[in-house]
């Protein structure tokens, strides 16, 4: 696998993760489905995976990036599996509305497992590491520029939304409103 193909695959992966975060963000506001603390931890893990994908795009594929990606996806899968385990008992309601038959946290577990699998496979292609180096934004492909811009936008928007939801303190276990937008407090 050449470095260009590796950068392209990492770019496509970054766009996919940015889409997942954008959809969760959209659902948060459209369906007024506020993320719980475990949901927020899963988003942090998705952002960490996204960051490592973008690092592979900008700085070239590196073993440390793939290792950090696998670790981030493992942590995200752990958070997602914890949330699945809270709702697996029959009669226990899930958190939020299902999407295509599964809740977001179940989908998150599936996606994190796929990230671990994909990063593990990508690690094995040694040719991608040859002459791997920094590529400035101006020299990136149009698709890579879109992926980088999406990553910055999605990460920034999520950080702002979490601050508005939780304020500077601990997030509520079962959020019902945005703490900083609540006029009753």
C-alpha atoms as a PDB file:
ATOM      1  CA  UNK A   1       0.000   0.000   0.000  1.00  0.00           C
ATOM      2  CA  UNK A   2       1.412   3.344  -0.996  1.00  0.00           C
ATOM      3  CA  UNK A   3       1.459   6.411   1.208  1.00  0.00           C
ATOM      4  CA  UNK A   4      -1.055   8.165  -1.076  1.00  0.00           C
ATOM      5  CA  UNK A   5      -3.545   5.303  -0.743  1.00  0.00           C
ATOM      6  CA  UNK A   6      -2.989   5.269   3.009  1.00  0.00           C
ATOM      7  CA  UNK A   7      -3.656   9.012   3.245  1.00  0.00           C
ATOM      8  CA  UNK A   8      -6.794   8.572   1.135  1.00  0.00           C
ATOM      9  CA  UNK A   9      -8.095   5.755   3.355  1.00  0.00           C
ATOM     10  CA  UNK A  10      -7.351   7.803   6.477  1.00  0.00           C
ATOM     11  CA  UNK A  11      -9.116  10.781   4.877  1.00  0.00           C
ATOM     12  CA  UNK A  12     -12.202   8.671   4.145  1.00  0.00           C
ATOM     13  CA  UNK A  13     -12.105   7.302   7.690  1.00  0.00           C
ATOM     14  CA  UNK A  14     -11.908  10.841   9.082  1.00  0.00           C
ATOM     15  CA  UNK A  15     -14.903  11.901   6.998  1.00  0.00           C
ATOM     16  CA  UNK A  16     -16.858   8.860   8.218  1.00  0.00           C
ATOM     17  CA  UNK A  17     -16.093   9.619  11.888  1.00  0.00           C
ATOM     18  CA  UNK A  18     -16.887  13.314  11.339  1.00  0.00           C
ATOM     19  CA  UNK A  19     -20.214  12.239   9.823  1.00  0.00           C
ATOM     20  CA  UNK A  20     -20.970  10.055  12.871  1.00  0.00           C
ATOM     21  CA  UNK A  21     -20.219  12.942  15.225  1.00  0.00           C
ATOM     22  CA  UNK A  22     -22.232  15.338  13.054  1.00  0.00           C
ATOM     23  CA  UNK A  23     -25.220  12.998  13.050  1.00  0.00           C
ATOM     24  CA  UNK A  24     -25.070  12.583  16.833  1.00  0.00           C
ATOM     25  CA  UNK A  25     -24.788  16.357  17.136  1.00  0.00           C
ATOM     26  CA  UNK A  26     -27.760  16.832  14.782  1.00  0.00           C
ATOM     27  CA  UNK A  27     -29.827  14.317  16.770  1.00  0.00           C
ATOM     28  CA  UNK A  28     -28.901  16.123  19.963  1.00  0.00           C
ATOM     29  CA  UNK A  29     -30.514  19.332  18.732  1.00  0.00           C
ATOM     30  CA  UNK A  30     -33.165  18.031  16.339  1.00  0.00           C
ATOM     31  CA  UNK A  31     -34.602  15.376  18.677  1.00  0.00           C
ATOM     32  CA  UNK A  32     -33.549  17.232  21.840  1.00  0.00           C
ATOM     33  CA  UNK A  33     -31.711  14.040  22.809  1.00  0.00           C
ATOM     34  CA  UNK A  34     -29.095  15.344  25.240  1.00  0.00           C
ATOM     35  CA  UNK A  35     -26.040  13.095  25.557  1.00  0.00           C
ATOM     36  CA  UNK A  36     -25.461  11.455  28.940  1.00  0.00           C
ATOM     37  CA  UNK A  37     -21.962  11.300  30.478  1.00  0.00           C
ATOM     38  CA  UNK A  38     -21.249   7.896  28.886  1.00  0.00           C
ATOM     39  CA  UNK A  39     -22.390   9.284  25.526  1.00  0.00           C
ATOM     40  CA  UNK A  40     -20.031  12.222  25.983  1.00  0.00           C
ATOM     41  CA  UNK A  41     -17.139   9.876  26.768  1.00  0.00           C
ATOM     42  CA  UNK A  42     -17.895   7.987  23.554  1.00  0.00           C
ATOM     43  CA  UNK A  43     -17.798  11.277  21.664  1.00  0.00           C
ATOM     44  CA  UNK A  44     -14.433  12.065  23.229  1.00  0.00           C
ATOM     45  CA  UNK A  45     -13.174   8.690  22.004  1.00  0.00           C
ATOM     46  CA  UNK A  46     -14.557   9.385  18.510  1.00  0.00           C
ATOM     47  CA  UNK A  47     -12.788  12.765  18.545  1.00  0.00           C
ATOM     48  CA  UNK A  48      -9.547  11.030  19.578  1.00  0.00           C
ATOM     49  CA  UNK A  49      -9.944   8.545  16.708  1.00  0.00           C
ATOM     50  CA  UNK A  50     -10.700  11.438  14.355  1.00  0.00           C
ATOM     51  CA  UNK A  51      -7.584  13.264  15.551  1.00  0.00           C
ATOM     52  CA  UNK A  52      -5.366  10.263  14.838  1.00  0.00           C
ATOM     53  CA  UNK A  53      -6.868   9.844  11.380  1.00  0.00           C
ATOM     54  CA  UNK A  54      -6.213  13.516  10.632  1.00  0.00           C
ATOM     55  CA  UNK A  55      -2.665  13.134  12.012  1.00  0.00           C
ATOM     56  CA  UNK A  56      -2.100  10.361   9.456  1.00  0.00           C
ATOM     57  CA  UNK A  57      -3.402  12.661   6.726  1.00  0.00           C
ATOM     58  CA  UNK A  58      -1.291  15.678   7.711  1.00  0.00           C
ATOM     59  CA  UNK A  59       1.912  14.052   9.008  1.00  0.00           C
ATOM     60  CA  UNK A  60       1.765  10.840   7.029  1.00  0.00           C
ATOM     61  CA  UNK A  61       0.965   7.388   8.353  1.00  0.00           C
ATOM     62  CA  UNK A  62       2.870   6.559  11.527  1.00  0.00           C
ATOM     63  CA  UNK A  63       2.831   3.605  13.883  1.00  0.00           C
ATOM     64  CA  UNK A  64       2.174   5.913  16.844  1.00  0.00           C
ATOM     65  CA  UNK A  65      -0.940   7.325  15.141  1.00  0.00           C
ATOM     66  CA  UNK A  66      -2.370   3.864  14.530  1.00  0.00           C
ATOM     67  CA  UNK A  67      -1.486   2.812  18.077  1.00  0.00           C
ATOM     68  CA  UNK A  68      -3.236   5.869  19.526  1.00  0.00           C
ATOM     69  CA  UNK A  69      -6.204   5.173  17.232  1.00  0.00           C
ATOM     70  CA  UNK A  70      -6.520   1.612  18.496  1.00  0.00           C
ATOM     71  CA  UNK A  71      -6.220   2.748  22.122  1.00  0.00           C
ATOM     72  CA  UNK A  72      -8.842   5.483  21.575  1.00  0.00           C
ATOM     73  CA  UNK A  73     -11.216   3.040  19.874  1.00  0.00           C
ATOM     74  CA  UNK A  74     -10.657   0.516  22.661  1.00  0.00           C
ATOM     75  CA  UNK A  75     -11.578   3.134  25.275  1.00  0.00           C
ATOM     76  CA  UNK A  76     -14.623   4.156  23.223  1.00  0.00           C
ATOM     77  CA  UNK A  77     -15.705   0.533  22.873  1.00  0.00           C
ATOM     78  CA  UNK A  78     -15.333   0.142  26.644  1.00  0.00           C
ATOM     79  CA  UNK A  79     -17.582   3.161  27.284  1.00  0.00           C
ATOM     80  CA  UNK A  80     -20.110   1.941  24.711  1.00  0.00           C
ATOM     81  CA  UNK A  81     -20.133  -1.602  26.097  1.00  0.00           C
ATOM     82  CA  UNK A  82     -20.684  -0.208  29.601  1.00  0.00           C
ATOM     83  CA  UNK A  83     -23.717   1.676  28.325  1.00  0.00           C
ATOM     84  CA  UNK A  84     -25.017  -1.364  26.453  1.00  0.00           C
ATOM     85  CA  UNK A  85     -24.690  -3.404  29.649  1.00  0.00           C
ATOM     86  CA  UNK A  86     -26.816  -0.855  31.530  1.00  0.00           C
ATOM     87  CA  UNK A  87     -29.701  -1.393  29.104  1.00  0.00           C
ATOM     88  CA  UNK A  88     -29.388  -5.067  28.163  1.00  0.00           C
ATOM     89  CA  UNK A  89     -31.765  -6.403  30.823  1.00  0.00           C
ATOM     90  CA  UNK A  90     -35.202  -7.051  29.272  1.00  0.00           C
ATOM     91  CA  UNK A  91     -37.658  -4.330  30.190  1.00  0.00           C
ATOM     92  CA  UNK A  92     -34.917  -1.770  30.833  1.00  0.00           C
ATOM     93  CA  UNK A  93     -35.494   1.192  28.533  1.00  0.00           C
ATOM     94  CA  UNK A  94     -32.651   2.283  26.318  1.00  0.00           C
ATOM     95  CA  UNK A  95     -31.231   5.784  26.377  1.00  0.00           C
ATOM     96  CA  UNK A  96     -32.438   7.833  23.424  1.00  0.00           C
ATOM     97  CA  UNK A  97     -34.274   6.720  20.328  1.00  0.00           C
ATOM     98  CA  UNK A  98     -32.961   3.772  18.281  1.00  0.00           C
ATOM     99  CA  UNK A  99     -31.366   4.396  14.893  1.00  0.00           C
ATOM    100  CA  UNK A 100     -31.849   1.620  12.320  1.00  0.00           C
ATOM    101  CA  UNK A 101     -32.903  -0.734  15.109  1.00  0.00           C
ATOM    102  CA  UNK A 102     -30.029  -0.079  17.526  1.00  0.00           C
ATOM    103  CA  UNK A 103     -29.259   2.673  19.998  1.00  0.00           C
ATOM    104  CA  UNK A 104     -26.365   5.038  19.318  1.00  0.00           C
ATOM    105  CA  UNK A 105     -24.196   3.413  22.005  1.00  0.00           C
ATOM    106  CA  UNK A 106     -24.631  -0.004  20.350  1.00  0.00           C
ATOM    107  CA  UNK A 107     -23.676   1.509  17.003  1.00  0.00           C
ATOM    108  CA  UNK A 108     -20.728   3.193  18.703  1.00  0.00           C
ATOM    109  CA  UNK A 109     -19.484  -0.188  19.931  1.00  0.00           C
ATOM    110  CA  UNK A 110     -19.762  -1.625  16.405  1.00  0.00           C
ATOM    111  CA  UNK A 111     -17.926   1.360  14.873  1.00  0.00           C
ATOM    112  CA  UNK A 112     -15.160   1.273  17.499  1.00  0.00           C
ATOM    113  CA  UNK A 113     -14.694  -2.456  16.834  1.00  0.00           C
ATOM    114  CA  UNK A 114     -14.420  -1.706  13.094  1.00  0.00           C
ATOM    115  CA  UNK A 115     -11.886   1.065  13.784  1.00  0.00           C
ATOM    116  CA  UNK A 116      -9.767  -1.368  15.811  1.00  0.00           C
ATOM    117  CA  UNK A 117      -9.965  -3.925  12.996  1.00  0.00           C
ATOM    118  CA  UNK A 118      -9.211  -1.352  10.283  1.00  0.00           C
ATOM    119  CA  UNK A 119      -6.279   0.217  12.140  1.00  0.00           C
ATOM    120  CA  UNK A 120      -4.828  -3.216  12.870  1.00  0.00           C
ATOM    121  CA  UNK A 121      -4.983  -4.110   9.178  1.00  0.00           C
ATOM    122  CA  UNK A 122      -3.498  -0.738   8.171  1.00  0.00           C
ATOM    123  CA  UNK A 123      -0.576  -1.233  10.565  1.00  0.00           C
ATOM    124  CA  UNK A 124       0.607  -4.217   8.538  1.00  0.00           C
ATOM    125  CA  UNK A 125       1.356  -2.333   5.312  1.00  0.00           C
ATOM    126  CA  UNK A 126       4.996  -1.269   5.716  1.00  0.00           C
ATOM    127  CA  UNK A 127       5.299   0.571   2.404  1.00  0.00           C
ATOM    128  CA  UNK A 128       3.023   3.374   3.653  1.00  0.00           C
ATOM    129  CA  UNK A 129       5.662   4.436   6.212  1.00  0.00           C
ATOM    130  CA  UNK A 130       8.390   5.039   3.615  1.00  0.00           C
ATOM    131  CA  UNK A 131       8.999   8.719   2.895  1.00  0.00           C
ATOM    132  CA  UNK A 132       6.078   9.549   5.155  1.00  0.00           C
ATOM    133  CA  UNK A 133       6.140  13.181   6.150  1.00  0.00           C
ATOM    134  CA  UNK A 134       4.312  16.404   6.809  1.00  0.00           C
ATOM    135  CA  UNK A 135       2.059  17.696   4.054  1.00  0.00           C
ATOM    136  CA  UNK A 136       0.926  21.321   4.561  1.00  0.00           C
ATOM    137  CA  UNK A 137      -2.752  22.178   4.240  1.00  0.00           C
ATOM    138  CA  UNK A 138      -2.210  23.959   0.907  1.00  0.00           C
ATOM    139  CA  UNK A 139      -0.748  20.808  -0.643  1.00  0.00           C
ATOM    140  CA  UNK A 140      -3.459  18.451   0.632  1.00  0.00           C
ATOM    141  CA  UNK A 141      -6.015  17.041  -1.782  1.00  0.00           C
ATOM    142  CA  UNK A 142      -9.435  18.708  -1.904  1.00  0.00           C
ATOM    143  CA  UNK A 143     -10.935  15.742  -0.068  1.00  0.00           C
ATOM    144  CA  UNK A 144      -8.271  15.926   2.659  1.00  0.00           C
ATOM    145  CA  UNK A 145      -8.919  19.668   3.066  1.00  0.00           C
ATOM    146  CA  UNK A 146     -12.618  18.915   3.525  1.00  0.00           C
ATOM    147  CA  UNK A 147     -11.805  16.199   6.085  1.00  0.00           C
ATOM    148  CA  UNK A 148      -9.481  18.505   8.051  1.00  0.00           C
ATOM    149  CA  UNK A 149     -11.998  21.362   8.037  1.00  0.00           C
ATOM    150  CA  UNK A 150     -14.817  19.005   9.068  1.00  0.00           C
ATOM    151  CA  UNK A 151     -12.704  17.624  11.899  1.00  0.00           C
ATOM    152  CA  UNK A 152     -11.937  21.075  13.279  1.00  0.00           C
ATOM    153  CA  UNK A 153     -15.555  22.200  12.940  1.00  0.00           C
ATOM    154  CA  UNK A 154     -17.111  19.060  14.459  1.00  0.00           C
ATOM    155  CA  UNK A 155     -14.655  18.938  17.365  1.00  0.00           C
ATOM    156  CA  UNK A 156     -15.127  22.626  18.149  1.00  0.00           C
ATOM    157  CA  UNK A 157     -18.922  22.422  17.951  1.00  0.00           C
ATOM    158  CA  UNK A 158     -19.010  19.374  20.233  1.00  0.00           C
ATOM    159  CA  UNK A 159     -16.767  21.030  22.825  1.00  0.00           C
ATOM    160  CA  UNK A 160     -18.968  24.127  22.839  1.00  0.00           C
ATOM    161  CA  UNK A 161     -22.172  22.071  23.107  1.00  0.00           C
ATOM    162  CA  UNK A 162     -20.787  20.071  26.044  1.00  0.00           C
ATOM    163  CA  UNK A 163     -19.846  23.272  27.832  1.00  0.00           C
ATOM    164  CA  UNK A 164     -23.341  24.673  27.261  1.00  0.00           C
ATOM    165  CA  UNK A 165     -24.894  21.389  28.430  1.00  0.00           C
ATOM    166  CA  UNK A 166     -22.759  20.877  31.534  1.00  0.00           C
ATOM    167  CA  UNK A 167     -21.188  24.221  32.319  1.00  0.00           C
ATOM    168  CA  UNK A 168     -17.772  24.147  33.979  1.00  0.00           C
ATOM    169  CA  UNK A 169     -18.835  21.431  36.434  1.00  0.00           C
ATOM    170  CA  UNK A 170     -19.800  17.753  36.275  1.00  0.00           C
ATOM    171  CA  UNK A 171     -22.428  16.753  33.726  1.00  0.00           C
ATOM    172  CA  UNK A 172     -25.732  15.464  35.113  1.00  0.00           C
ATOM    173  CA  UNK A 173     -26.291  11.699  34.914  1.00  0.00           C
ATOM    174  CA  UNK A 174     -29.594  12.119  33.089  1.00  0.00           C
ATOM    175  CA  UNK A 175     -29.532  15.542  31.430  1.00  0.00           C
ATOM    176  CA  UNK A 176     -32.865  17.186  30.721  1.00  0.00           C
ATOM    177  CA  UNK A 177     -31.774  20.671  29.697  1.00  0.00           C
ATOM    178  CA  UNK A 178     -28.721  22.737  28.872  1.00  0.00           C
ATOM    179  CA  UNK A 179     -27.299  24.022  32.133  1.00  0.00           C
ATOM    180  CA  UNK A 180     -26.065  27.322  30.686  1.00  0.00           C
ATOM    181  CA  UNK A 181     -29.320  27.950  28.781  1.00  0.00           C
ATOM    182  CA  UNK A 182     -31.589  27.164  31.721  1.00  0.00           C
ATOM    183  CA  UNK A 183     -33.155  30.438  32.858  1.00  0.00           C
ATOM    184  CA  UNK A 184     -34.716  28.836  35.963  1.00  0.00           C
ATOM    185  CA  UNK A 185     -31.369  28.370  37.765  1.00  0.00           C
END
